[in-house]
Each structure stands twice: as structure tokens, then as C-alpha cells.
Amino acid sequence: MKAKKFCIEDAFRVEKNNELLLISIQPRFSELILNGEKTVELRKRLPKKLPKFAIVYESAPKKQATFLIKIKKFDAAPAKVIWERYRNKCAISKTYFNEYYRGSKQSVALIIEKVLPLEKSISRKILQSYGLTPPQDYRYAPKEIVMDIARR
């Protein structure tokens, strides 16, 4: 059964911050998230604000945002603890995990509650026209901008 497309404006019915997180993910990992094999996204730091939704921008070659994730929780802990808790949910090898966190002081797991495909994808060009350059880590997308993009 194909997933129902999600209207981005719906996220703001439950989002208290009036901002969504914008995260960039490699297409190989976004595909794993979309098909349910990857339910934990790893990052090197905790965002300052902890919204319930994130717009997922798929990096090259796709270069577009095609879905949102509803975030169940953020879990910050030493890398060893994060690996023990989520090794079966992050869809990477122990070697890749160790390489990713080499030299990092913090490790963070974004626990994905739900994947919400967007009605319309958002190109990099459109995001940049609103000053939302896809980030290495996190960026915040204010409600007014997201709503304007959604109306395009």
C-alpha cells in the first residue's frame, strides 16, 4: 500500500516552535528511511531547539526535499551507548559508525516515529531562494517560509 502524501502545513498543527528542522541526508540513507529499514538518524550534536518534525533534504544527486520525519525523541549520549541502543536501527556498520564519530565529543540519535512523504518535493533552488541552504548538520525553517514554499 502506497503511503499517503503529507501536506507540509499539517506539521505546524502540532509544532509549538513554529519552526521545522531542516536536515540533509545522503540518498542511500534516505531510501532506507523511506522503506523503514532505518528508523534512527545519527548526528554529531544535539540541535538547540528540539522540534517534532524535520524536513529531509536528500543531497546529490537528488538535491531536493521529498519527505518529513516526525521525531519521537532525541537521544544524546556517548557514542558507545548510542551504538548499543540503536545499532540495529541505524542501518550502518560498526566500522562506519566509528569513522563517523571519530573525534566527536557527542553523539545524537534522532528516533524516527513516522515518515511523511510530501505532496510536492522542494528543490535545492527553491530552498536557497528562501535562504535555506541545505545544512551539513541542522538548520531551522520558520513557519512563514515553509508555508510560502508550500504554496508554490
Protein backbone atom coordinates (compact mmCIF):
# COMPACT_ATOMS: atom_id res chain seq x y z
CA MET A 1 0.00 0.00 0.00
CA LYS A 2 1.43 3.37 -1.03
CA ALA A 3 1.91 5.99 1.71
CA LYS A 4 -0.47 8.94 1.70
CA LYS A 5 1.25 12.18 0.71
CA PHE A 6 1.62 14.71 3.51
CA CYS A 7 0.73 18.38 3.34
CA ILE A 8 3.66 20.22 4.97
CA GLU A 9 1.31 22.73 6.61
CA ASP A 10 -0.06 19.90 8.78
CA ALA A 11 3.22 19.75 10.70
CA PHE A 12 2.51 23.16 12.21
CA ARG A 13 -0.72 21.95 13.77
CA VAL A 14 1.40 20.15 16.38
CA GLU A 15 4.72 22.02 16.17
CA LYS A 16 4.94 24.53 19.01
CA ASN A 17 8.19 26.20 17.93
CA ASN A 18 6.80 27.44 14.59
CA GLU A 19 9.97 26.05 13.03
CA LEU A 20 10.84 22.75 11.44
CA LEU A 21 14.28 21.26 11.50
CA LEU A 22 15.95 21.00 8.08
CA ILE A 23 18.44 18.16 7.78
CA SER A 24 20.45 16.89 4.86
CA ILE A 25 20.76 13.14 4.30
CA GLN A 26 22.54 11.17 1.61
CA PRO A 27 20.06 9.49 -0.77
CA ARG A 28 21.30 5.99 0.13
CA PHE A 29 20.22 6.65 3.74
CA SER A 30 17.01 8.47 2.87
CA GLU A 31 15.92 5.45 0.82
CA LEU A 32 16.48 3.24 3.88
CA ILE A 33 14.40 5.64 5.97
CA LEU A 34 11.62 5.66 3.38
CA ASN A 35 11.42 1.87 3.26
CA GLY A 36 11.53 1.52 7.07
CA GLU A 37 14.94 -0.16 7.37
CA LYS A 38 16.49 2.89 9.07
CA THR A 39 14.50 4.29 12.00
CA VAL A 40 17.33 6.19 13.69
CA GLU A 41 19.28 9.07 12.11
CA LEU A 42 22.66 9.83 13.65
CA ARG A 43 24.16 13.28 14.19
CA LYS A 44 27.23 14.67 15.96
CA ARG A 45 25.42 17.27 18.03
CA LEU A 46 22.06 17.97 19.55
CA PRO A 47 20.12 20.82 17.95
CA LYS A 48 19.46 23.87 20.14
CA LYS A 49 15.73 23.54 19.53
CA LEU A 50 14.01 20.17 19.53
CA PRO A 51 11.12 20.30 17.08
CA LYS A 52 8.82 17.36 16.43
CA PHE A 53 9.32 17.45 12.64
CA ALA A 54 12.25 17.66 10.26
CA ILE A 55 12.25 18.35 6.55
CA VAL A 56 14.60 15.85 4.94
CA TYR A 57 16.72 17.23 2.13
CA GLU A 58 18.26 14.49 0.01
CA SER A 59 21.75 15.53 -1.08
CA ALA A 60 23.28 14.98 -4.55
CA PRO A 61 22.30 13.64 -6.93
CA LYS A 62 18.65 14.18 -5.89
CA LYS A 63 19.06 17.68 -4.39
CA GLN A 64 15.52 18.02 -3.10
CA ALA A 65 13.35 17.66 -0.02
CA THR A 66 10.82 14.90 -0.57
CA PHE A 67 9.63 13.93 2.90
CA LEU A 68 9.35 14.90 6.53
CA ILE A 69 10.09 12.80 9.54
CA LYS A 70 8.17 13.01 12.77
CA ILE A 71 10.74 12.80 15.54
CA LYS A 72 9.80 10.68 18.53
CA LYS A 73 12.78 11.87 20.57
CA PHE A 74 16.40 12.98 20.53
CA ASP A 75 18.87 10.82 22.44
CA ALA A 76 22.30 12.30 23.23
CA ALA A 77 24.87 10.00 24.82
CA PRO A 78 28.44 8.77 24.39
CA ALA A 79 28.96 7.01 21.05
CA LYS A 80 29.36 3.61 22.71
CA VAL A 81 25.94 3.96 24.36
CA ILE A 82 24.26 5.16 21.15
CA TRP A 83 25.70 2.17 19.28
CA GLU A 84 24.45 -0.27 21.92
CA ARG A 85 20.94 1.26 21.91
CA TYR A 86 20.45 1.70 18.17
CA ARG A 87 22.87 -0.50 16.22
CA ASN A 88 20.01 -2.47 14.68
CA LYS A 89 18.06 0.65 13.72
CA CYS A 90 20.64 2.97 12.11
CA ALA A 91 21.41 0.79 9.05
CA ILE A 92 25.19 1.19 9.16
CA SER A 93 28.14 -0.99 10.10
CA LYS A 94 30.13 -0.63 13.32
CA THR A 95 33.12 0.46 11.18
CA TYR A 96 31.11 3.23 9.51
CA PHE A 97 29.72 4.29 12.89
CA ASN A 98 33.21 4.52 14.41
CA GLU A 99 34.51 6.50 11.42
CA TYR A 100 31.58 8.91 11.60
CA TYR A 101 32.07 9.62 15.31
CA ARG A 102 35.89 9.64 15.32
CA GLY A 103 36.97 12.74 17.27
CA SER A 104 33.41 13.77 18.15
CA LYS A 105 32.55 14.78 21.68
CA GLN A 106 28.86 13.96 21.38
CA SER A 107 26.65 11.52 19.54
CA VAL A 108 22.96 12.03 18.96
CA ALA A 109 20.23 9.72 17.70
CA LEU A 110 17.05 11.14 16.16
CA ILE A 111 14.43 8.48 16.73
CA ILE A 112 12.04 8.49 13.78
CA GLU A 113 8.40 7.98 14.71
CA LYS A 114 6.90 8.37 11.25
CA VAL A 115 7.90 9.13 7.66
CA LEU A 116 5.66 11.60 5.83
CA PRO A 117 6.17 11.88 2.05
CA LEU A 118 5.49 15.41 0.80
CA GLU A 119 2.77 16.22 -1.73
CA LYS A 120 5.35 18.24 -3.68
CA SER A 121 9.11 17.94 -3.50
CA ILE A 122 11.12 21.09 -2.77
CA SER A 123 14.19 21.67 -4.94
CA ARG A 124 17.51 22.98 -3.66
CA LYS A 125 16.98 26.05 -5.83
CA ILE A 126 13.69 26.87 -4.09
CA LEU A 127 15.18 26.30 -0.63
CA GLN A 128 18.12 28.55 -1.46
CA SER A 129 15.82 31.27 -2.80
CA TYR A 130 14.40 31.44 0.75
CA GLY A 131 17.81 31.44 2.39
CA LEU A 132 17.53 27.80 3.43
CA THR A 133 20.77 26.35 2.15
CA PRO A 134 20.74 22.64 2.98
CA PRO A 135 22.92 22.18 6.06
CA GLN A 136 25.76 19.89 6.99
CA ASP A 137 24.06 19.39 10.34
CA TYR A 138 20.89 21.34 11.20
CA ARG A 139 19.07 24.44 10.09
CA TYR A 140 15.69 25.77 11.17
CA ALA A 141 12.93 26.56 8.70
CA PRO A 142 10.49 29.20 10.05
CA LYS A 143 6.78 28.58 9.61
CA GLU A 144 6.25 31.63 7.36
CA ILE A 145 8.91 30.47 4.91
CA VAL A 146 7.75 26.85 4.91
CA MET A 147 4.16 27.93 4.31
CA ASP A 148 5.22 30.21 1.44
CA ILE A 149 7.24 27.38 -0.15
CA ALA A 150 4.28 25.01 0.22
CA ARG A 151 2.02 27.41 -1.67
CA ARG A 152 4.32 27.41 -4.74
